[in-house]
Structure formats: C-alpha cells, structure tokens
C-alpha cells in the first residue's frame, strides 16, 4: 500500500495531471511541506494561479481557511513579470544572480 508520504505524493501527481488537462501550463509541487497549498498551478490563458490542497477525503477541507492563509495572494490583481535566477553561497557569503531584462 505504501507509506503515507508515497500515497500523498501519488495523489498530488494525479491532481497535477488533472490540472494540466484543465489548462495549467506550469505547476509547482510543495513536496513534503506542511503548508496549506500542496500545488501551485499557473493558467496563463485564464490569467489565474491556483493554490491547491490535495486531500484523501473532504473531511477537514476548508476553502475559507485556504483563502485566509493566502489572503494577500488571493487578492492580487494585475500582470506580473517572471524572473529566473538562483541564490548561492559564495566565498563571501550568500549572493544571487537573476536574468536581466
């Protein structure tokens, strides 16, 4: 049957497949986290970002609680720019590099 983690991971991958069928073009899975959103799905054609919690049953599910936790994100409006980059630990401590416009 698998561990609780592997069953949860399998459920998240299944949901990601369903989200892709609904039009998500990019998704981030919050592996092993204890946050309210297990998956963040981006729907550029709809102009939407979905914060998704994956559960084995409807018991304890609260969209209201999810909205409260991510209140600032839920209320965001407008266009956003995507920047790629990374943080790294160099000889002088932490630094970062991001793509230029």
C-alpha atoms as a PDB file:
ATOM      1  CA  UNK A   1       0.000   0.000   0.000  1.00  0.00           C
ATOM      2  CA  UNK A   2       2.944   2.345   0.576  1.00  0.00           C
ATOM      3  CA  UNK A   3       3.773   4.904   3.165  1.00  0.00           C
ATOM      4  CA  UNK A   4       1.559   7.871   3.872  1.00  0.00           C
ATOM      5  CA  UNK A   5       4.063  10.091   2.050  1.00  0.00           C
ATOM      6  CA  UNK A   6       4.112   7.938  -1.107  1.00  0.00           C
ATOM      7  CA  UNK A   7       0.299   7.737  -1.196  1.00  0.00           C
ATOM      8  CA  UNK A   8       0.096  11.512  -0.811  1.00  0.00           C
ATOM      9  CA  UNK A   9       2.732  12.061  -3.493  1.00  0.00           C
ATOM     10  CA  UNK A  10       0.846   9.777  -5.884  1.00  0.00           C
ATOM     11  CA  UNK A  11      -2.367  11.705  -5.233  1.00  0.00           C
ATOM     12  CA  UNK A  12      -0.579  15.010  -5.907  1.00  0.00           C
ATOM     13  CA  UNK A  13       0.813  13.722  -9.211  1.00  0.00           C
ATOM     14  CA  UNK A  14      -2.675  12.564 -10.198  1.00  0.00           C
ATOM     15  CA  UNK A  15      -4.093  16.014  -9.383  1.00  0.00           C
ATOM     16  CA  UNK A  16      -1.275  17.655 -11.385  1.00  0.00           C
ATOM     17  CA  UNK A  17      -2.291  15.531 -14.389  1.00  0.00           C
ATOM     18  CA  UNK A  18      -5.897  16.709 -13.959  1.00  0.00           C
ATOM     19  CA  UNK A  19      -4.776  20.336 -13.622  1.00  0.00           C
ATOM     20  CA  UNK A  20      -2.785  20.007 -16.855  1.00  0.00           C
ATOM     21  CA  UNK A  21      -5.959  18.701 -18.559  1.00  0.00           C
ATOM     22  CA  UNK A  22      -7.768  21.818 -17.249  1.00  0.00           C
ATOM     23  CA  UNK A  23      -5.149  24.063 -18.874  1.00  0.00           C
ATOM     24  CA  UNK A  24      -2.350  24.523 -16.329  1.00  0.00           C
ATOM     25  CA  UNK A  25       0.914  25.039 -18.184  1.00  0.00           C
ATOM     26  CA  UNK A  26       3.239  25.130 -15.183  1.00  0.00           C
ATOM     27  CA  UNK A  27       2.911  23.676 -11.695  1.00  0.00           C
ATOM     28  CA  UNK A  28       4.966  23.691  -8.530  1.00  0.00           C
ATOM     29  CA  UNK A  29       4.558  20.836  -6.066  1.00  0.00           C
ATOM     30  CA  UNK A  30       5.434  21.692  -2.493  1.00  0.00           C
ATOM     31  CA  UNK A  31       6.978  18.306  -1.727  1.00  0.00           C
ATOM     32  CA  UNK A  32       6.799  17.193   1.887  1.00  0.00           C
ATOM     33  CA  UNK A  33       5.707  20.597   3.085  1.00  0.00           C
ATOM     34  CA  UNK A  34       3.255  21.338   5.817  1.00  0.00           C
ATOM     35  CA  UNK A  35       1.797  24.380   4.110  1.00  0.00           C
ATOM     36  CA  UNK A  36      -1.826  24.679   3.074  1.00  0.00           C
ATOM     37  CA  UNK A  37      -1.070  24.607  -0.669  1.00  0.00           C
ATOM     38  CA  UNK A  38       0.342  21.340  -1.992  1.00  0.00           C
ATOM     39  CA  UNK A  39       0.381  22.503  -5.611  1.00  0.00           C
ATOM     40  CA  UNK A  40       0.588  25.926  -7.226  1.00  0.00           C
ATOM     41  CA  UNK A  41      -0.794  25.787 -10.765  1.00  0.00           C
ATOM     42  CA  UNK A  42      -0.435  28.526 -13.379  1.00  0.00           C
ATOM     43  CA  UNK A  43      -3.123  29.075 -16.006  1.00  0.00           C
ATOM     44  CA  UNK A  44      -1.789  31.838 -18.284  1.00  0.00           C
ATOM     45  CA  UNK A  45      -4.722  31.574 -20.710  1.00  0.00           C
ATOM     46  CA  UNK A  46      -7.116  32.269 -17.825  1.00  0.00           C
ATOM     47  CA  UNK A  47      -4.784  34.688 -16.077  1.00  0.00           C
ATOM     48  CA  UNK A  48      -5.097  32.602 -12.919  1.00  0.00           C
ATOM     49  CA  UNK A  49      -2.860  30.998 -10.327  1.00  0.00           C
ATOM     50  CA  UNK A  50      -4.481  28.178  -8.350  1.00  0.00           C
ATOM     51  CA  UNK A  51      -3.367  27.261  -4.817  1.00  0.00           C
ATOM     52  CA  UNK A  52      -4.388  23.614  -4.441  1.00  0.00           C
ATOM     53  CA  UNK A  53      -4.600  21.445  -1.323  1.00  0.00           C
ATOM     54  CA  UNK A  54      -4.793  17.688  -2.023  1.00  0.00           C
ATOM     55  CA  UNK A  55      -6.733  15.581   0.486  1.00  0.00           C
ATOM     56  CA  UNK A  56      -7.820  11.947   0.612  1.00  0.00           C
ATOM     57  CA  UNK A  57     -11.310  12.974   1.745  1.00  0.00           C
ATOM     58  CA  UNK A  58     -13.432  16.093   2.059  1.00  0.00           C
ATOM     59  CA  UNK A  59     -13.222  15.935   5.873  1.00  0.00           C
ATOM     60  CA  UNK A  60     -11.444  18.974   7.271  1.00  0.00           C
ATOM     61  CA  UNK A  61     -11.336  20.735   3.894  1.00  0.00           C
ATOM     62  CA  UNK A  62     -11.853  24.489   4.151  1.00  0.00           C
ATOM     63  CA  UNK A  63     -11.521  26.772   1.146  1.00  0.00           C
ATOM     64  CA  UNK A  64     -12.183  29.621   3.594  1.00  0.00           C
ATOM     65  CA  UNK A  65      -9.110  28.618   5.645  1.00  0.00           C
ATOM     66  CA  UNK A  66      -7.000  28.394   2.479  1.00  0.00           C
ATOM     67  CA  UNK A  67      -8.190  31.872   1.412  1.00  0.00           C
ATOM     68  CA  UNK A  68      -7.306  33.265   4.843  1.00  0.00           C
ATOM     69  CA  UNK A  69      -3.838  31.712   4.791  1.00  0.00           C
ATOM     70  CA  UNK A  70      -3.082  33.159   1.363  1.00  0.00           C
ATOM     71  CA  UNK A  71      -5.188  36.313   1.671  1.00  0.00           C
ATOM     72  CA  UNK A  72      -2.540  38.551   0.084  1.00  0.00           C
ATOM     73  CA  UNK A  73      -2.121  36.216  -2.893  1.00  0.00           C
ATOM     74  CA  UNK A  74      -5.850  35.727  -3.402  1.00  0.00           C
ATOM     75  CA  UNK A  75      -6.363  39.485  -3.667  1.00  0.00           C
ATOM     76  CA  UNK A  76      -3.535  40.077  -6.192  1.00  0.00           C
ATOM     77  CA  UNK A  77      -4.558  41.612  -9.485  1.00  0.00           C
ATOM     78  CA  UNK A  78      -2.556  42.713 -12.500  1.00  0.00           C
ATOM     79  CA  UNK A  79       0.205  41.448 -14.736  1.00  0.00           C
ATOM     80  CA  UNK A  80       3.403  40.007 -13.330  1.00  0.00           C
ATOM     81  CA  UNK A  81       6.833  39.501 -14.765  1.00  0.00           C
ATOM     82  CA  UNK A  82       8.606  36.180 -14.324  1.00  0.00           C
ATOM     83  CA  UNK A  83      12.306  36.317 -13.485  1.00  0.00           C
ATOM     84  CA  UNK A  84      14.628  33.337 -13.265  1.00  0.00           C
ATOM     85  CA  UNK A  85      17.657  33.090 -11.078  1.00  0.00           C
ATOM     86  CA  UNK A  86      19.147  31.471  -8.029  1.00  0.00           C
ATOM     87  CA  UNK A  87      20.768  32.124  -4.675  1.00  0.00           C
ATOM     88  CA  UNK A  88      24.135  30.574  -3.940  1.00  0.00           C
ATOM     89  CA  UNK A  89      26.709  30.560  -1.191  1.00  0.00           C
ATOM     90  CA  UNK A  90      29.967  32.015  -2.492  1.00  0.00           C
ATOM     91  CA  UNK A  91      33.289  32.712  -0.821  1.00  0.00           C
ATOM     92  CA  UNK A  92      31.934  35.963   0.661  1.00  0.00           C
ATOM     93  CA  UNK A  93      28.599  34.513   1.826  1.00  0.00           C
ATOM     94  CA  UNK A  94      25.217  34.344   0.186  1.00  0.00           C
ATOM     95  CA  UNK A  95      24.656  36.060  -3.146  1.00  0.00           C
ATOM     96  CA  UNK A  96      22.243  35.798  -6.030  1.00  0.00           C
ATOM     97  CA  UNK A  97      22.080  36.095  -9.763  1.00  0.00           C
ATOM     98  CA  UNK A  98      18.937  36.696 -11.809  1.00  0.00           C
ATOM     99  CA  UNK A  99      18.368  37.050 -15.536  1.00  0.00           C
ATOM    100  CA  UNK A 100      18.401  40.624 -16.814  1.00  0.00           C
ATOM    101  CA  UNK A 101      15.564  42.112 -18.832  1.00  0.00           C
END
